[in-house]
Amino acid sequence: MRCPLVIPVPRGKRDAGSLAPVRLTAFWDRMRAQFGETYAESVAKDHVLTILGGRTVNQALADGEDTKTVWRAVCETFSLPERLR
């Protein structure tokens, strides 16, 4: 099963010293821990989040949205406990 671990960052958002891939890995770890391996991928690909401007998780990440912002949107949309935010 293919699970995206690194989403390309648009040119204007790149930083040679950025820790974005590490944060993105942590984001996917949280998604899989919360939703399970298969469902996490489905949520990211198929569920449109109003909080993210009508984008999916994958679209928001591909657009360069901060992983913390995307994770908080997931938490709010799915009413996850405050301790996970």
N, C-alpha and C. Protein backbone atom coordinates (compact mmCIF):
# COMPACT_ATOMS: atom_id res chain seq x y z
N MET A 1 0.83 -1.17 0.00
CA MET A 1 0.00 0.00 0.00
C MET A 1 0.89 1.24 0.00
N ARG A 2 0.52 2.21 -0.82
CA ARG A 2 1.32 3.42 -0.95
C ARG A 2 0.76 4.50 -0.03
N CYS A 3 1.59 5.07 0.80
CA CYS A 3 1.17 6.14 1.70
C CYS A 3 2.10 7.33 1.51
N PRO A 4 1.55 8.50 1.18
CA PRO A 4 2.42 9.65 0.95
C PRO A 4 3.10 10.09 2.24
N LEU A 5 4.40 10.17 2.20
CA LEU A 5 5.14 10.64 3.36
C LEU A 5 5.69 12.04 3.13
N VAL A 6 6.00 12.36 1.89
CA VAL A 6 6.52 13.69 1.59
C VAL A 6 5.72 14.25 0.42
N ILE A 7 5.11 15.39 0.64
CA ILE A 7 4.35 16.07 -0.40
C ILE A 7 5.26 17.17 -0.96
N PRO A 8 5.35 17.31 -2.28
CA PRO A 8 6.18 18.38 -2.85
C PRO A 8 5.76 19.74 -2.32
N VAL A 9 6.72 20.57 -2.00
CA VAL A 9 6.46 21.92 -1.51
C VAL A 9 6.62 22.88 -2.68
N PRO A 10 5.64 23.77 -2.90
CA PRO A 10 5.76 24.73 -4.00
C PRO A 10 7.05 25.53 -3.88
N ARG A 11 7.60 25.93 -5.02
CA ARG A 11 8.89 26.62 -5.07
C ARG A 11 9.00 27.79 -4.09
N GLY A 12 7.99 28.62 -4.02
CA GLY A 12 8.05 29.79 -3.15
C GLY A 12 8.09 29.46 -1.67
N LYS A 13 7.80 28.24 -1.30
CA LYS A 13 7.72 27.85 0.11
C LYS A 13 8.92 27.02 0.55
N ARG A 14 9.85 26.74 -0.33
CA ARG A 14 10.99 25.89 0.03
C ARG A 14 12.02 26.64 0.84
N ASP A 15 12.64 25.91 1.73
CA ASP A 15 13.70 26.44 2.57
C ASP A 15 14.71 25.33 2.72
N ALA A 16 15.93 25.55 2.28
CA ALA A 16 16.95 24.50 2.28
C ALA A 16 17.14 23.88 3.65
N GLY A 17 16.97 24.66 4.72
CA GLY A 17 17.16 24.13 6.06
C GLY A 17 15.87 23.71 6.73
N SER A 18 14.79 23.62 5.98
CA SER A 18 13.48 23.34 6.55
C SER A 18 13.39 21.92 7.11
N LEU A 19 12.61 21.77 8.14
CA LEU A 19 12.34 20.46 8.72
C LEU A 19 11.00 19.93 8.25
N ALA A 20 10.45 20.49 7.17
CA ALA A 20 9.12 20.11 6.68
C ALA A 20 8.95 18.61 6.51
N PRO A 21 9.91 17.86 5.91
CA PRO A 21 9.69 16.42 5.78
C PRO A 21 9.54 15.72 7.13
N VAL A 22 10.27 16.17 8.15
CA VAL A 22 10.15 15.58 9.48
C VAL A 22 8.76 15.86 10.03
N ARG A 23 8.30 17.08 9.92
CA ARG A 23 6.97 17.43 10.40
C ARG A 23 5.90 16.68 9.62
N LEU A 24 6.11 16.52 8.33
CA LEU A 24 5.15 15.81 7.51
C LEU A 24 5.08 14.34 7.91
N THR A 25 6.22 13.77 8.22
CA THR A 25 6.25 12.38 8.68
C THR A 25 5.47 12.25 9.98
N ALA A 26 5.67 13.18 10.89
CA ALA A 26 4.94 13.17 12.16
C ALA A 26 3.44 13.34 11.91
N PHE A 27 3.08 14.19 10.95
CA PHE A 27 1.67 14.38 10.60
C PHE A 27 1.05 13.05 10.16
N TRP A 28 1.74 12.34 9.26
CA TRP A 28 1.19 11.07 8.76
C TRP A 28 1.17 10.00 9.86
N ASP A 29 2.13 10.05 10.75
CA ASP A 29 2.11 9.13 11.90
C ASP A 29 0.86 9.37 12.74
N ARG A 30 0.53 10.63 12.97
CA ARG A 30 -0.67 10.97 13.74
C ARG A 30 -1.94 10.55 13.00
N MET A 31 -1.97 10.80 11.70
CA MET A 31 -3.15 10.41 10.91
C MET A 31 -3.38 8.90 11.00
N ARG A 32 -2.31 8.13 10.81
CA ARG A 32 -2.44 6.66 10.86
C ARG A 32 -2.80 6.18 12.27
N ALA A 33 -2.23 6.83 13.30
CA ALA A 33 -2.54 6.43 14.68
C ALA A 33 -4.01 6.72 14.99
N GLN A 34 -4.54 7.80 14.48
CA GLN A 34 -5.91 8.19 14.78
C GLN A 34 -6.94 7.42 13.94
N PHE A 35 -6.65 7.25 12.65
CA PHE A 35 -7.65 6.68 11.74
C PHE A 35 -7.33 5.28 11.24
N GLY A 36 -6.11 4.82 11.48
CA GLY A 36 -5.70 3.53 10.92
C GLY A 36 -5.05 3.74 9.57
N GLU A 37 -4.26 2.77 9.15
CA GLU A 37 -3.46 2.88 7.92
C GLU A 37 -4.30 3.21 6.69
N THR A 38 -5.32 2.43 6.44
CA THR A 38 -6.11 2.60 5.22
C THR A 38 -7.03 3.81 5.29
N TYR A 39 -7.73 3.97 6.40
CA TYR A 39 -8.70 5.05 6.50
C TYR A 39 -8.01 6.41 6.52
N ALA A 40 -6.82 6.52 7.08
CA ALA A 40 -6.08 7.79 7.10
C ALA A 40 -5.84 8.27 5.67
N GLU A 41 -5.45 7.35 4.81
CA GLU A 41 -5.23 7.70 3.40
C GLU A 41 -6.52 8.15 2.74
N SER A 42 -7.60 7.46 3.05
CA SER A 42 -8.91 7.81 2.48
C SER A 42 -9.36 9.18 2.96
N VAL A 43 -9.22 9.45 4.24
CA VAL A 43 -9.59 10.76 4.79
C VAL A 43 -8.80 11.85 4.09
N ALA A 44 -7.51 11.65 3.94
CA ALA A 44 -6.64 12.66 3.34
C ALA A 44 -6.97 12.90 1.86
N LYS A 45 -7.37 11.87 1.19
CA LYS A 45 -7.62 11.96 -0.25
C LYS A 45 -9.04 12.39 -0.58
N ASP A 46 -10.01 11.94 0.20
CA ASP A 46 -11.42 12.08 -0.19
C ASP A 46 -12.24 13.08 0.60
N HIS A 47 -11.87 13.36 1.83
CA HIS A 47 -12.70 14.22 2.68
C HIS A 47 -12.34 15.69 2.48
N VAL A 48 -13.31 16.48 2.02
CA VAL A 48 -13.11 17.91 1.81
C VAL A 48 -13.36 18.63 3.13
N LEU A 49 -12.39 19.40 3.57
CA LEU A 49 -12.50 20.12 4.85
C LEU A 49 -12.81 21.58 4.59
N THR A 50 -13.94 22.03 5.08
CA THR A 50 -14.34 23.43 4.92
C THR A 50 -13.29 24.35 5.53
N ILE A 51 -12.75 23.94 6.66
CA ILE A 51 -11.76 24.74 7.38
C ILE A 51 -10.52 24.99 6.51
N LEU A 52 -10.25 24.10 5.59
CA LEU A 52 -9.09 24.25 4.69
C LEU A 52 -9.49 24.89 3.37
N GLY A 53 -10.58 25.61 3.38
CA GLY A 53 -11.00 26.31 2.17
C GLY A 53 -11.58 25.37 1.11
N GLY A 54 -12.21 24.31 1.56
CA GLY A 54 -12.82 23.38 0.62
C GLY A 54 -11.82 22.47 -0.07
N ARG A 55 -10.68 22.25 0.60
CA ARG A 55 -9.65 21.35 0.06
C ARG A 55 -9.57 20.09 0.89
N THR A 56 -9.01 19.06 0.29
CA THR A 56 -8.70 17.85 1.04
C THR A 56 -7.38 18.07 1.77
N VAL A 57 -7.06 17.15 2.66
CA VAL A 57 -5.77 17.20 3.35
C VAL A 57 -4.64 17.16 2.32
N ASN A 58 -4.72 16.24 1.37
CA ASN A 58 -3.67 16.13 0.36
C ASN A 58 -3.52 17.41 -0.46
N GLN A 59 -4.65 18.01 -0.84
CA GLN A 59 -4.58 19.26 -1.60
C GLN A 59 -3.95 20.38 -0.79
N ALA A 60 -4.34 20.50 0.47
CA ALA A 60 -3.80 21.55 1.33
C ALA A 60 -2.29 21.38 1.52
N LEU A 61 -1.85 20.16 1.74
CA LEU A 61 -0.42 19.92 1.90
C LEU A 61 0.33 20.19 0.60
N ALA A 62 -0.24 19.79 -0.51
CA ALA A 62 0.40 20.03 -1.81
C ALA A 62 0.48 21.53 -2.12
N ASP A 63 -0.48 22.29 -1.58
CA ASP A 63 -0.47 23.75 -1.76
C ASP A 63 0.52 24.44 -0.83
N GLY A 64 1.16 23.68 0.05
CA GLY A 64 2.16 24.24 0.95
C GLY A 64 1.62 24.67 2.30
N GLU A 65 0.40 24.27 2.60
CA GLU A 65 -0.19 24.62 3.91
C GLU A 65 0.64 23.96 5.01
N ASP A 66 0.81 24.66 6.11
CA ASP A 66 1.58 24.16 7.25
C ASP A 66 0.93 22.89 7.80
N THR A 67 1.73 21.88 8.09
CA THR A 67 1.20 20.61 8.58
C THR A 67 0.44 20.78 9.90
N LYS A 68 0.88 21.70 10.74
CA LYS A 68 0.20 21.93 12.02
C LYS A 68 -1.20 22.49 11.76
N THR A 69 -1.33 23.38 10.80
CA THR A 69 -2.63 23.95 10.44
C THR A 69 -3.56 22.86 9.91
N VAL A 70 -3.02 21.99 9.07
CA VAL A 70 -3.82 20.91 8.49
C VAL A 70 -4.23 19.94 9.59
N TRP A 71 -3.31 19.59 10.47
CA TRP A 71 -3.64 18.67 11.55
C TRP A 71 -4.74 19.24 12.45
N ARG A 72 -4.65 20.52 12.79
CA ARG A 72 -5.68 21.15 13.62
C ARG A 72 -7.03 21.15 12.91
N ALA A 73 -7.02 21.33 11.60
CA ALA A 73 -8.26 21.28 10.82
C ALA A 73 -8.87 19.87 10.89
N VAL A 74 -8.01 18.85 10.80
CA VAL A 74 -8.49 17.47 10.92
C VAL A 74 -9.08 17.25 12.30
N CYS A 75 -8.38 17.70 13.33
CA CYS A 75 -8.86 17.53 14.71
C CYS A 75 -10.21 18.19 14.90
N GLU A 76 -10.37 19.39 14.40
CA GLU A 76 -11.63 20.11 14.56
C GLU A 76 -12.75 19.45 13.75
N THR A 77 -12.47 19.09 12.52
CA THR A 77 -13.47 18.49 11.65
C THR A 77 -14.00 17.18 12.20
N PHE A 78 -13.10 16.38 12.74
CA PHE A 78 -13.49 15.06 13.25
C PHE A 78 -13.70 15.06 14.76
N SER A 79 -13.74 16.24 15.36
CA SER A 79 -13.98 16.40 16.80
C SER A 79 -13.06 15.51 17.64
N LEU A 80 -11.78 15.54 17.29
CA LEU A 80 -10.79 14.78 18.05
C LEU A 80 -10.54 15.48 19.37
N PRO A 81 -10.14 14.75 20.39
CA PRO A 81 -9.90 15.34 21.71
C PRO A 81 -8.87 16.49 21.67
N GLU A 82 -9.07 17.45 22.51
CA GLU A 82 -8.18 18.62 22.59
C GLU A 82 -6.73 18.20 22.82
N ARG A 83 -6.51 17.13 23.55
CA ARG A 83 -5.13 16.70 23.87
C ARG A 83 -4.35 16.30 22.61
N LEU A 84 -5.03 15.99 21.52
CA LEU A 84 -4.35 15.59 20.28
C LEU A 84 -3.92 16.79 19.44
N ARG A 85 -4.41 17.96 19.78
CA ARG A 85 -4.11 19.15 18.98
C ARG A 85 -2.82 19.70 19.42
